[in-house]
PDB file of all heavy atoms in Angstrom:
ATOM      1  N   GLN A   1     105.577  98.951 102.280  1.00  0.00           N
ATOM      2  CA  GLN A   1     106.484  98.165 103.113  1.00  0.00           C
ATOM      3  C   GLN A   1     107.938  98.297 102.684  1.00  0.00           C
ATOM      4  O   GLN A   1     108.828  97.758 103.335  1.00  0.00           O
ATOM      5  CB  GLN A   1     106.087  96.668 103.072  1.00  0.00           C
ATOM      6  CG  GLN A   1     104.747  96.344 103.711  1.00  0.00           C
ATOM      7  CD  GLN A   1     103.581  96.649 102.793  1.00  0.00           C
ATOM      8  OE1 GLN A   1     103.744  96.660 101.564  1.00  0.00           O
ATOM      9  NE2 GLN A   1     102.417  96.905 103.364  1.00  0.00           N
ATOM     10  N   GLY A   2     108.165  99.001 101.595  1.00  0.00           N
ATOM     11  CA  GLY A   2     109.521  99.096 101.050  1.00  0.00           C
ATOM     12  C   GLY A   2     110.369 100.144 101.742  1.00  0.00           C
ATOM     13  O   GLY A   2     109.906 100.906 102.600  1.00  0.00           O
ATOM     14  N   GLN A   3     111.647 100.191 101.328  1.00  0.00           N
ATOM     15  CA  GLN A   3     112.593 101.115 101.942  1.00  0.00           C
ATOM     16  C   GLN A   3     113.209 102.083 100.938  1.00  0.00           C
ATOM     17  O   GLN A   3     114.214 102.728 101.228  1.00  0.00           O
ATOM     18  CB  GLN A   3     113.701 100.315 102.652  1.00  0.00           C
ATOM     19  CG  GLN A   3     113.175  99.394 103.732  1.00  0.00           C
ATOM     20  CD  GLN A   3     114.289  98.749 104.531  1.00  0.00           C
ATOM     21  OE1 GLN A   3     115.254  99.402 104.907  1.00  0.00           O
ATOM     22  NE2 GLN A   3     114.155  97.455 104.784  1.00  0.00           N
ATOM     23  N   GLY A   4     112.591 102.167  99.753  1.00  0.00           N
ATOM     24  CA  GLY A   4     113.097 103.091  98.749  1.00  0.00           C
ATOM     25  C   GLY A   4     112.190 103.154  97.530  1.00  0.00           C
ATOM     26  O   GLY A   4     111.107 102.551  97.502  1.00  0.00           O
ATOM     27  N   ILE A   5     112.629 103.872  96.500  1.00  0.00           N
ATOM     28  CA  ILE A   5     111.864 104.055  95.268  1.00  0.00           C
ATOM     29  C   ILE A   5     112.376 103.070  94.220  1.00  0.00           C
ATOM     30  O   ILE A   5     113.587 102.925  94.011  1.00  0.00           O
ATOM     31  CB  ILE A   5     112.025 105.501  94.756  1.00  0.00           C
ATOM     32  CG1 ILE A   5     111.485 106.469  95.805  1.00  0.00           C
ATOM     33  CG2 ILE A   5     111.292 105.693  93.437  1.00  0.00           C
ATOM     34  CD1 ILE A   5     111.717 107.929  95.449  1.00  0.00           C
ATOM     35  N   MET A   6     111.442 102.373  93.561  1.00  0.00           N
ATOM     36  CA  MET A   6     111.823 101.354  92.579  1.00  0.00           C
ATOM     37  C   MET A   6     112.470 101.993  91.348  1.00  0.00           C
ATOM     38  O   MET A   6     112.052 103.046  90.872  1.00  0.00           O
ATOM     39  CB  MET A   6     110.589 100.555  92.143  1.00  0.00           C
ATOM     40  CG  MET A   6     109.927  99.777  93.264  1.00  0.00           C
ATOM     41  SD  MET A   6     108.496  98.839  92.680  1.00  0.00           S
ATOM     42  CE  MET A   6     107.855  98.197  94.218  1.00  0.00           C
ATOM     43  N   THR A   7     113.500 101.290  90.846  1.00  0.00           N
ATOM     44  CA  THR A   7     114.195 101.768  89.636  1.00  0.00           C
ATOM     45  C   THR A   7     113.636 101.142  88.367  1.00  0.00           C
ATOM     46  O   THR A   7     114.012 101.550  87.254  1.00  0.00           O
ATOM     47  CB  THR A   7     115.693 101.447  89.732  1.00  0.00           C
ATOM     48  OG1 THR A   7     115.871 100.025  89.770  1.00  0.00           O
ATOM     49  CG2 THR A   7     116.299 102.085  90.964  1.00  0.00           C
ATOM     50  N   GLY A   8     112.768 100.131  88.499  1.00  0.00           N
ATOM     51  CA  GLY A   8     112.195  99.460  87.336  1.00  0.00           C
ATOM     52  C   GLY A   8     112.926  98.181  86.961  1.00  0.00           C
ATOM     53  O   GLY A   8     112.596  97.562  85.943  1.00  0.00           O
ATOM     54  N   LYS A   9     113.887  97.745  87.791  1.00  0.00           N
ATOM     55  CA  LYS A   9     114.645  96.521  87.488  1.00  0.00           C
ATOM     56  C   LYS A   9     114.338  95.454  88.533  1.00  0.00           C
ATOM     57  O   LYS A   9     114.145  95.756  89.712  1.00  0.00           O
ATOM     58  CB  LYS A   9     116.137  96.792  87.474  1.00  0.00           C
ATOM     59  CG  LYS A   9     116.599  97.749  86.379  1.00  0.00           C
ATOM     60  CD  LYS A   9     118.099  97.960  86.428  1.00  0.00           C
ATOM     61  CE  LYS A   9     118.577  98.910  85.347  1.00  0.00           C
ATOM     62  NZ  LYS A   9     120.045  99.120  85.389  1.00  0.00           N
ATOM     63  N   CYS A  10     114.334  94.196  88.094  1.00  0.00           N
ATOM     64  CA  CYS A  10     114.194  93.035  88.979  1.00  0.00           C
ATOM     65  C   CYS A  10     115.575  92.380  89.074  1.00  0.00           C
ATOM     66  O   CYS A  10     116.118  91.915  88.069  1.00  0.00           O
ATOM     67  CB  CYS A  10     113.158  92.061  88.427  1.00  0.00           C
ATOM     68  SG  CYS A  10     112.806  90.642  89.502  1.00  0.00           S
ATOM     69  N   VAL A  11     116.143  92.374  90.275  1.00  0.00           N
ATOM     70  CA  VAL A  11     117.519  91.900  90.454  1.00  0.00           C
ATOM     71  C   VAL A  11     117.553  90.793  91.504  1.00  0.00           C
ATOM     72  O   VAL A  11     116.575  90.525  92.214  1.00  0.00           O
ATOM     73  CB  VAL A  11     118.440  93.067  90.878  1.00  0.00           C
ATOM     74  CG1 VAL A  11     118.504  94.124  89.780  1.00  0.00           C
ATOM     75  CG2 VAL A  11     117.980  93.679  92.191  1.00  0.00           C
ATOM     76  N   ASP A  12     118.707  90.153  91.595  1.00  0.00           N
ATOM     77  CA  ASP A  12     118.873  89.063  92.556  1.00  0.00           C
ATOM     78  C   ASP A  12     119.056  89.611  93.976  1.00  0.00           C
ATOM     79  O   ASP A  12     119.928  90.451  94.232  1.00  0.00           O
ATOM     80  CB  ASP A  12     120.091  88.215  92.185  1.00  0.00           C
ATOM     81  CG  ASP A  12     119.908  87.449  90.885  1.00  0.00           C
ATOM     82  OD1 ASP A  12     118.742  87.157  90.546  1.00  0.00           O
ATOM     83  OD2 ASP A  12     120.916  87.167  90.214  1.00  0.00           O
ATOM     84  N   PHE A  13     118.237  89.112  94.884  1.00  0.00           N
ATOM     85  CA  PHE A  13     118.430  89.432  96.305  1.00  0.00           C
ATOM     86  C   PHE A  13     119.436  88.449  96.920  1.00  0.00           C
ATOM     87  O   PHE A  13     120.292  88.816  97.706  1.00  0.00           O
ATOM     88  CB  PHE A  13     117.091  89.368  97.044  1.00  0.00           C
ATOM     89  CG  PHE A  13     117.193  89.657  98.517  1.00  0.00           C
ATOM     90  CD1 PHE A  13     117.294  90.959  98.970  1.00  0.00           C
ATOM     91  CD2 PHE A  13     117.214  88.618  99.449  1.00  0.00           C
ATOM     92  CE1 PHE A  13     117.400  91.225 100.329  1.00  0.00           C
ATOM     93  CE2 PHE A  13     117.320  88.883 100.804  1.00  0.00           C
ATOM     94  CZ  PHE A  13     117.419  90.189 101.251  1.00  0.00           C
ATOM     95  N   ASN A  14     119.269  87.172  96.535  1.00  0.00           N
ATOM     96  CA  ASN A  14     120.249  86.127  96.872  1.00  0.00           C
ATOM     97  C   ASN A  14     120.187  85.083  95.767  1.00  0.00           C
ATOM     98  O   ASN A  14     119.614  85.336  94.698  1.00  0.00           O
ATOM     99  CB  ASN A  14     119.977  85.533  98.267  1.00  0.00           C
ATOM    100  CG  ASN A  14     118.542  85.033  98.433  1.00  0.00           C
ATOM    101  OD1 ASN A  14     117.945  84.503  97.481  1.00  0.00           O
ATOM    102  ND2 ASN A  14     117.992  85.178  99.635  1.00  0.00           N
ATOM    103  N   ASN A  15     120.739  83.916  96.021  1.00  0.00           N
ATOM    104  CA  ASN A  15     120.790  82.891  94.974  1.00  0.00           C
ATOM    105  C   ASN A  15     119.418  82.317  94.639  1.00  0.00           C
ATOM    106  O   ASN A  15     119.247  81.704  93.576  1.00  0.00           O
ATOM    107  CB  ASN A  15     121.720  81.756  95.393  1.00  0.00           C
ATOM    108  CG  ASN A  15     123.166  82.212  95.495  1.00  0.00           C
ATOM    109  OD1 ASN A  15     123.578  83.144  94.784  1.00  0.00           O
ATOM    110  ND2 ASN A  15     123.942  81.559  96.362  1.00  0.00           N
ATOM    111  N   ASN A  16     118.445  82.513  95.504  1.00  0.00           N
ATOM    112  CA  ASN A  16     117.133  81.885  95.295  1.00  0.00           C
ATOM    113  C   ASN A  16     115.999  82.871  95.054  1.00  0.00           C
ATOM    114  O   ASN A  16     114.938  82.480  94.558  1.00  0.00           O
ATOM    115  CB  ASN A  16     116.769  81.031  96.522  1.00  0.00           C
ATOM    116  CG  ASN A  16     117.784  79.930  96.772  1.00  0.00           C
ATOM    117  OD1 ASN A  16     118.263  79.283  95.838  1.00  0.00           O
ATOM    118  ND2 ASN A  16     118.130  79.716  98.047  1.00  0.00           N
ATOM    119  N   VAL A  17     116.172  84.122  95.424  1.00  0.00           N
ATOM    120  CA  VAL A  17     115.065  85.092  95.391  1.00  0.00           C
ATOM    121  C   VAL A  17     115.491  86.330  94.605  1.00  0.00           C
ATOM    122  O   VAL A  17     116.640  86.789  94.706  1.00  0.00           O
ATOM    123  CB  VAL A  17     114.647  85.504  96.821  1.00  0.00           C
ATOM    124  CG1 VAL A  17     113.512  86.527  96.777  1.00  0.00           C
ATOM    125  CG2 VAL A  17     114.227  84.279  97.637  1.00  0.00           C
ATOM    126  N   THR A  18     114.561  86.841  93.779  1.00  0.00           N
ATOM    127  CA  THR A  18     114.778  88.106  93.075  1.00  0.00           C
ATOM    128  C   THR A  18     113.788  89.145  93.604  1.00  0.00           C
ATOM    129  O   THR A  18     112.613  88.828  93.890  1.00  0.00           O
ATOM    130  CB  THR A  18     114.595  87.941  91.560  1.00  0.00           C
ATOM    131  OG1 THR A  18     113.286  87.414  91.292  1.00  0.00           O
ATOM    132  CG2 THR A  18     115.643  87.015  90.987  1.00  0.00           C
ATOM    133  N   THR A  19     114.260  90.370  93.751  1.00  0.00           N
ATOM    134  CA  THR A  19     113.401  91.446  94.241  1.00  0.00           C
ATOM    135  C   THR A  19     113.634  92.695  93.393  1.00  0.00           C
ATOM    136  O   THR A  19     114.583  92.782  92.604  1.00  0.00           O
ATOM    137  CB  THR A  19     113.726  91.784  95.716  1.00  0.00           C
ATOM    138  OG1 THR A  19     115.094  92.214  95.822  1.00  0.00           O
ATOM    139  CG2 THR A  19     113.505  90.579  96.614  1.00  0.00           C
ATOM    140  N   CYS A  20     112.749  93.666  93.577  1.00  0.00           N
ATOM    141  CA  CYS A  20     112.859  94.926  92.841  1.00  0.00           C
ATOM    142  C   CYS A  20     114.047  95.738  93.360  1.00  0.00           C
ATOM    143  O   CYS A  20     114.290  95.801  94.571  1.00  0.00           O
ATOM    144  CB  CYS A  20     111.579  95.737  92.988  1.00  0.00           C
ATOM    145  SG  CYS A  20     110.143  95.001  92.187  1.00  0.00           S
ATOM    146  N   GLU A  21     114.754  96.342  92.440  1.00  0.00           N
ATOM    147  CA  GLU A  21     115.849  97.218  92.815  1.00  0.00           C
ATOM    148  C   GLU A  21     115.268  98.570  93.247  1.00  0.00           C
ATOM    149  O   GLU A  21     114.318  99.075  92.650  1.00  0.00           O
ATOM    150  CB  GLU A  21     116.801  97.400  91.630  1.00  0.00           C
ATOM    151  CG  GLU A  21     118.027  98.222  91.962  1.00  0.00           C
ATOM    152  CD  GLU A  21     118.900  98.430  90.737  1.00  0.00           C
ATOM    153  OE1 GLU A  21     118.438  99.121  89.794  1.00  0.00           O
ATOM    154  OE2 GLU A  21     120.033  97.894  90.704  1.00  0.00           O
ATOM    155  N   ILE A  22     115.852  99.172  94.298  1.00  0.00           N
ATOM    156  CA  ILE A  22     115.365 100.446  94.809  1.00  0.00           C
ATOM    157  C   ILE A  22     116.523 101.436  94.922  1.00  0.00           C
ATOM    158  O   ILE A  22     117.697 101.055  94.936  1.00  0.00           O
ATOM    159  CB  ILE A  22     114.704 100.287  96.196  1.00  0.00           C
ATOM    160  CG1 ILE A  22     115.732  99.791  97.226  1.00  0.00           C
ATOM    161  CG2 ILE A  22     113.493  99.378  96.129  1.00  0.00           C
ATOM    162  CD1 ILE A  22     115.275  99.938  98.665  1.00  0.00           C
ATOM    163  N   PHE A  23     116.131 102.715  95.006  1.00  0.00           N
ATOM    164  CA  PHE A  23     117.087 103.758  95.353  1.00  0.00           C
ATOM    165  C   PHE A  23     116.711 104.266  96.747  1.00  0.00           C
ATOM    166  O   PHE A  23     115.588 104.725  96.987  1.00  0.00           O
ATOM    167  CB  PHE A  23     117.052 104.905  94.352  1.00  0.00           C
ATOM    168  CG  PHE A  23     117.961 106.044  94.743  1.00  0.00           C
ATOM    169  CD1 PHE A  23     119.320 105.963  94.514  1.00  0.00           C
ATOM    170  CD2 PHE A  23     117.444 107.179  95.348  1.00  0.00           C
ATOM    171  CE1 PHE A  23     120.162 107.009  94.874  1.00  0.00           C
ATOM    172  CE2 PHE A  23     118.279 108.218  95.715  1.00  0.00           C
ATOM    173  CZ  PHE A  23     119.658 108.134  95.483  1.00  0.00           C
ATOM    174  N   GLY A  24     117.639 104.159  97.689  1.00  0.00           N
ATOM    175  CA  GLY A  24     117.382 104.566  99.058  1.00  0.00           C
ATOM    176  C   GLY A  24     118.625 104.365  99.902  1.00  0.00           C
ATOM    177  O   GLY A  24     119.758 104.350  99.395  1.00  0.00           O
ATOM    178  N   TRP A  25     118.406 104.220 101.205  1.00  0.00           N
ATOM    179  CA  TRP A  25     119.523 103.954 102.109  1.00  0.00           C
ATOM    180  C   TRP A  25     119.888 102.482 102.018  1.00  0.00           C
ATOM    181  O   TRP A  25     119.107 101.610 102.384  1.00  0.00           O
ATOM    182  CB  TRP A  25     119.142 104.314 103.548  1.00  0.00           C
ATOM    183  CG  TRP A  25     119.083 105.805 103.785  1.00  0.00           C
ATOM    184  CD1 TRP A  25     117.967 106.580 103.836  1.00  0.00           C
ATOM    185  CD2 TRP A  25     120.190 106.674 103.995  1.00  0.00           C
ATOM    186  NE1 TRP A  25     118.293 107.880 104.067  1.00  0.00           N
ATOM    187  CE2 TRP A  25     119.666 107.984 104.182  1.00  0.00           C
ATOM    188  CE3 TRP A  25     121.580 106.505 104.048  1.00  0.00           C
ATOM    189  CZ2 TRP A  25     120.471 109.097 104.412  1.00  0.00           C
ATOM    190  CZ3 TRP A  25     122.377 107.622 104.283  1.00  0.00           C
ATOM    191  CH2 TRP A  25     121.841 108.893 104.458  1.00  0.00           C
ATOM    192  N   CYS A  26     121.076 102.214 101.495  1.00  0.00           N
ATOM    193  CA  CYS A  26     121.525 100.842 101.256  1.00  0.00           C
ATOM    194  C   CYS A  26     122.797 100.553 102.060  1.00  0.00           C
ATOM    195  O   CYS A  26     123.622 101.456 102.259  1.00  0.00           O
ATOM    196  CB  CYS A  26     121.811 100.638  99.762  1.00  0.00           C
ATOM    197  SG  CYS A  26     120.362 100.883  98.698  1.00  0.00           S
ATOM    198  N   PRO A  27     122.956  99.297 102.498  1.00  0.00           N
ATOM    199  CA  PRO A  27     122.037  98.164 102.335  1.00  0.00           C
ATOM    200  C   PRO A  27     120.790  98.340 103.199  1.00  0.00           C
ATOM    201  O   PRO A  27     120.838  99.001 104.242  1.00  0.00           O
ATOM    202  CB  PRO A  27     122.881  96.979 102.812  1.00  0.00           C
ATOM    203  CG  PRO A  27     123.842  97.567 103.792  1.00  0.00           C
ATOM    204  CD  PRO A  27     124.170  98.929 103.290  1.00  0.00           C
ATOM    205  N   VAL A  28     119.677  97.723 102.786  1.00  0.00           N
ATOM    206  CA  VAL A  28     118.413  97.866 103.514  1.00  0.00           C
ATOM    207  C   VAL A  28     118.497  97.155 104.859  1.00  0.00           C
ATOM    208  O   VAL A  28     119.283  96.224 105.068  1.00  0.00           O
ATOM    209  CB  VAL A  28     117.243  97.316 102.678  1.00  0.00           C
ATOM    210  CG1 VAL A  28     117.044  98.135 101.413  1.00  0.00           C
ATOM    211  CG2 VAL A  28     117.458  95.839 102.329  1.00  0.00           C
ATOM    212  N   GLU A  29     117.671  97.623 105.777  1.00  0.00           N
ATOM    213  CA  GLU A  29     117.619  97.034 107.128  1.00  0.00           C
ATOM    214  C   GLU A  29     116.904  95.687 107.090  1.00  0.00           C
ATOM    215  O   GLU A  29     115.832  95.553 106.504  1.00  0.00           O
ATOM    216  CB  GLU A  29     116.882  97.977 108.084  1.00  0.00           C
ATOM    217  CG  GLU A  29     116.718  97.424 109.495  1.00  0.00           C
ATOM    218  CD  GLU A  29     115.731  98.232 110.309  1.00  0.00           C
ATOM    219  OE1 GLU A  29     114.577  98.410 109.847  1.00  0.00           O
ATOM    220  OE2 GLU A  29     116.105  98.705 111.397  1.00  0.00           O
ATOM    221  N   GLU A  30     117.488  94.680 107.704  1.00  0.00           N
ATOM    222  CA  GLU A  30     116.852  93.372 107.874  1.00  0.00           C
ATOM    223  C   GLU A  30     116.577  93.187 109.372  1.00  0.00           C
ATOM    224  O   GLU A  30     117.484  92.960 110.160  1.00  0.00           O
ATOM    225  CB  GLU A  30     117.765  92.258 107.359  1.00  0.00           C
ATOM    226  CG  GLU A  30     118.072  92.363 105.872  1.00  0.00           C
ATOM    227  CD  GLU A  30     118.898  91.178 105.374  1.00  0.00           C
ATOM    228  OE1 GLU A  30     118.546  90.036 105.701  1.00  0.00           O
ATOM    229  OE2 GLU A  30     119.892  91.421 104.667  1.00  0.00           O
ATOM    230  N   ASP A  31     115.291  93.300 109.735  1.00  0.00           N
ATOM    231  CA  ASP A  31     114.924  93.291 111.149  1.00  0.00           C
ATOM    232  C   ASP A  31     114.148  92.046 111.568  1.00  0.00           C
ATOM    233  O   ASP A  31     113.474  92.044 112.599  1.00  0.00           O
ATOM    234  CB  ASP A  31     114.100  94.525 111.490  1.00  0.00           C
ATOM    235  CG  ASP A  31     112.806  94.609 110.691  1.00  0.00           C
ATOM    236  OD1 ASP A  31     112.612  93.781 109.772  1.00  0.00           O
ATOM    237  OD2 ASP A  31     111.984  95.499 110.973  1.00  0.00           O
ATOM    238  N   ASP A  32     114.226  90.997 110.741  1.00  0.00           N
ATOM    239  CA  ASP A  32     113.492  89.782 111.097  1.00  0.00           C
ATOM    240  C   ASP A  32     114.246  88.918 112.102  1.00  0.00           C
ATOM    241  O   ASP A  32     113.677  87.988 112.674  1.00  0.00           O
ATOM    242  CB  ASP A  32     113.168  88.968 109.836  1.00  0.00           C
ATOM    243  CG  ASP A  32     114.413  88.641 109.015  1.00  0.00           C
ATOM    244  OD1 ASP A  32     115.438  89.320 109.223  1.00  0.00           O
ATOM    245  OD2 ASP A  32     114.344  87.718 108.177  1.00  0.00           O
ATOM    246  N   GLN A  33     115.493  89.201 112.321  1.00  0.00           N
ATOM    247  CA  GLN A  33     116.288  88.438 113.281  1.00  0.00           C
ATOM    248  C   GLN A  33     116.582  89.326 114.501  1.00  0.00           C
ATOM    249  O   GLN A  33     117.471  90.170 114.473  1.00  0.00           O
ATOM    250  CB  GLN A  33     117.599  87.951 112.642  1.00  0.00           C
ATOM    251  CG  GLN A  33     117.413  87.021 111.454  1.00  0.00           C
ATOM    252  CD  GLN A  33     116.751  85.707 111.867  1.00  0.00           C
ATOM    253  OE1 GLN A  33     117.001  85.190 112.956  1.00  0.00           O
ATOM    254  NE2 GLN A  33     115.929  85.170 110.977  1.00  0.00           N
ATOM    255  N   ILE A  34     115.801  89.122 115.565  1.00  0.00           N
ATOM    256  CA  ILE A  34     115.962  89.910 116.785  1.00  0.00           C
ATOM    257  C   ILE A  34     116.975  89.224 117.692  1.00  0.00           C
ATOM    258  O   ILE A  34     116.872  88.008 117.932  1.00  0.00           O
ATOM    259  CB  ILE A  34     114.610  90.071 117.513  1.00  0.00           C
ATOM    260  CG1 ILE A  34     113.599  90.759 116.589  1.00  0.00           C
ATOM    261  CG2 ILE A  34     114.777  90.865 118.804  1.00  0.00           C
ATOM    262  CD1 ILE A  34     112.206  90.863 117.174  1.00  0.00           C
ATOM    263  N   PRO A  35     117.976  89.929 118.196  1.00  0.00           N
ATOM    264  CA  PRO A  35     118.974  89.306 119.084  1.00  0.00           C
ATOM    265  C   PRO A  35     118.322  88.631 120.295  1.00  0.00           C
ATOM    266  O   PRO A  35     117.496  89.232 120.980  1.00  0.00           O
ATOM    267  CB  PRO A  35     119.848  90.493 119.518  1.00  0.00           C
ATOM    268  CG  PRO A  35     119.686  91.496 118.429  1.00  0.00           C
ATOM    269  CD  PRO A  35     118.276  91.352 117.950  1.00  0.00           C
ATOM    270  N   ASP A  36     118.694  87.402 120.516  1.00  0.00           N
ATOM    271  CA  ASP A  36     118.167  86.622 121.638  1.00  0.00           C
ATOM    272  C   ASP A  36     119.325  85.816 122.241  1.00  0.00           C
ATOM    273  O   ASP A  36     119.931  85.005 121.529  1.00  0.00           O
ATOM    274  CB  ASP A  36     117.053  85.684 121.158  1.00  0.00           C
ATOM    275  CG  ASP A  36     116.290  85.025 122.302  1.00  0.00           C
ATOM    276  OD1 ASP A  36     116.558  85.389 123.473  1.00  0.00           O
ATOM    277  OD2 ASP A  36     115.432  84.165 122.016  1.00  0.00           O
ATOM    278  N   PRO A  37     119.694  86.029 123.499  1.00  0.00           N
ATOM    279  CA  PRO A  37     118.981  86.816 124.521  1.00  0.00           C
ATOM    280  C   PRO A  37     119.092  88.311 124.290  1.00  0.00           C
ATOM    281  O   PRO A  37     119.961  88.763 123.540  1.00  0.00           O
ATOM    282  CB  PRO A  37     119.697  86.403 125.813  1.00  0.00           C
ATOM    283  CG  PRO A  37     121.074  86.035 125.375  1.00  0.00           C
ATOM    284  CD  PRO A  37     120.919  85.395 124.027  1.00  0.00           C
ATOM    285  N   PRO A  38     118.229  89.099 124.954  1.00  0.00           N
ATOM    286  CA  PRO A  38     118.275  90.553 124.806  1.00  0.00           C
ATOM    287  C   PRO A  38     119.643  91.112 125.202  1.00  0.00           C
ATOM    288  O   PRO A  38     120.331  90.569 126.074  1.00  0.00           O
ATOM    289  CB  PRO A  38     117.176  91.042 125.766  1.00  0.00           C
ATOM    290  CG  PRO A  38     116.270  89.868 125.924  1.00  0.00           C
ATOM    291  CD  PRO A  38     117.118  88.658 125.831  1.00  0.00           C
ATOM    292  N   MET A  39     120.018  92.201 124.566  1.00  0.00           N
ATOM    293  CA  MET A  39     121.344  92.760 124.778  1.00  0.00           C
ATOM    294  C   MET A  39     121.502  93.400 126.157  1.00  0.00           C
ATOM    295  O   MET A  39     122.601  93.499 126.680  1.00  0.00           O
ATOM    296  CB  MET A  39     121.647  93.791 123.692  1.00  0.00           C
ATOM    297  CG  MET A  39     121.688  93.205 122.292  1.00  0.00           C
ATOM    298  SD  MET A  39     122.108  94.422 121.028  1.00  0.00           S
ATOM    299  CE  MET A  39     123.773  94.851 121.512  1.00  0.00           C
ATOM    300  N   LEU A  40     120.393  93.849 126.769  1.00  0.00           N
ATOM    301  CA  LEU A  40     120.489  94.504 128.056  1.00  0.00           C
ATOM    302  C   LEU A  40     119.510  93.858 129.040  1.00  0.00           C
ATOM    303  O   LEU A  40     118.640  94.521 129.615  1.00  0.00           O
ATOM    304  CB  LEU A  40     120.203  96.008 127.926  1.00  0.00           C
ATOM    305  CG  LEU A  40     120.657  96.909 129.085  1.00  0.00           C
ATOM    306  CD1 LEU A  40     122.154  96.756 129.354  1.00  0.00           C
ATOM    307  CD2 LEU A  40     120.309  98.352 128.799  1.00  0.00           C
TER     308      LEU A  40
END
């Protein structure tokens, strides 16, 4: 489910959550917020 290869470090994603650091296309895509109403 990830978007890159792990570097072996656990870093801060935000003030409340820590996630694994990756090497890939950054910043990663956040697709949980779908525009509503639809754009077209």
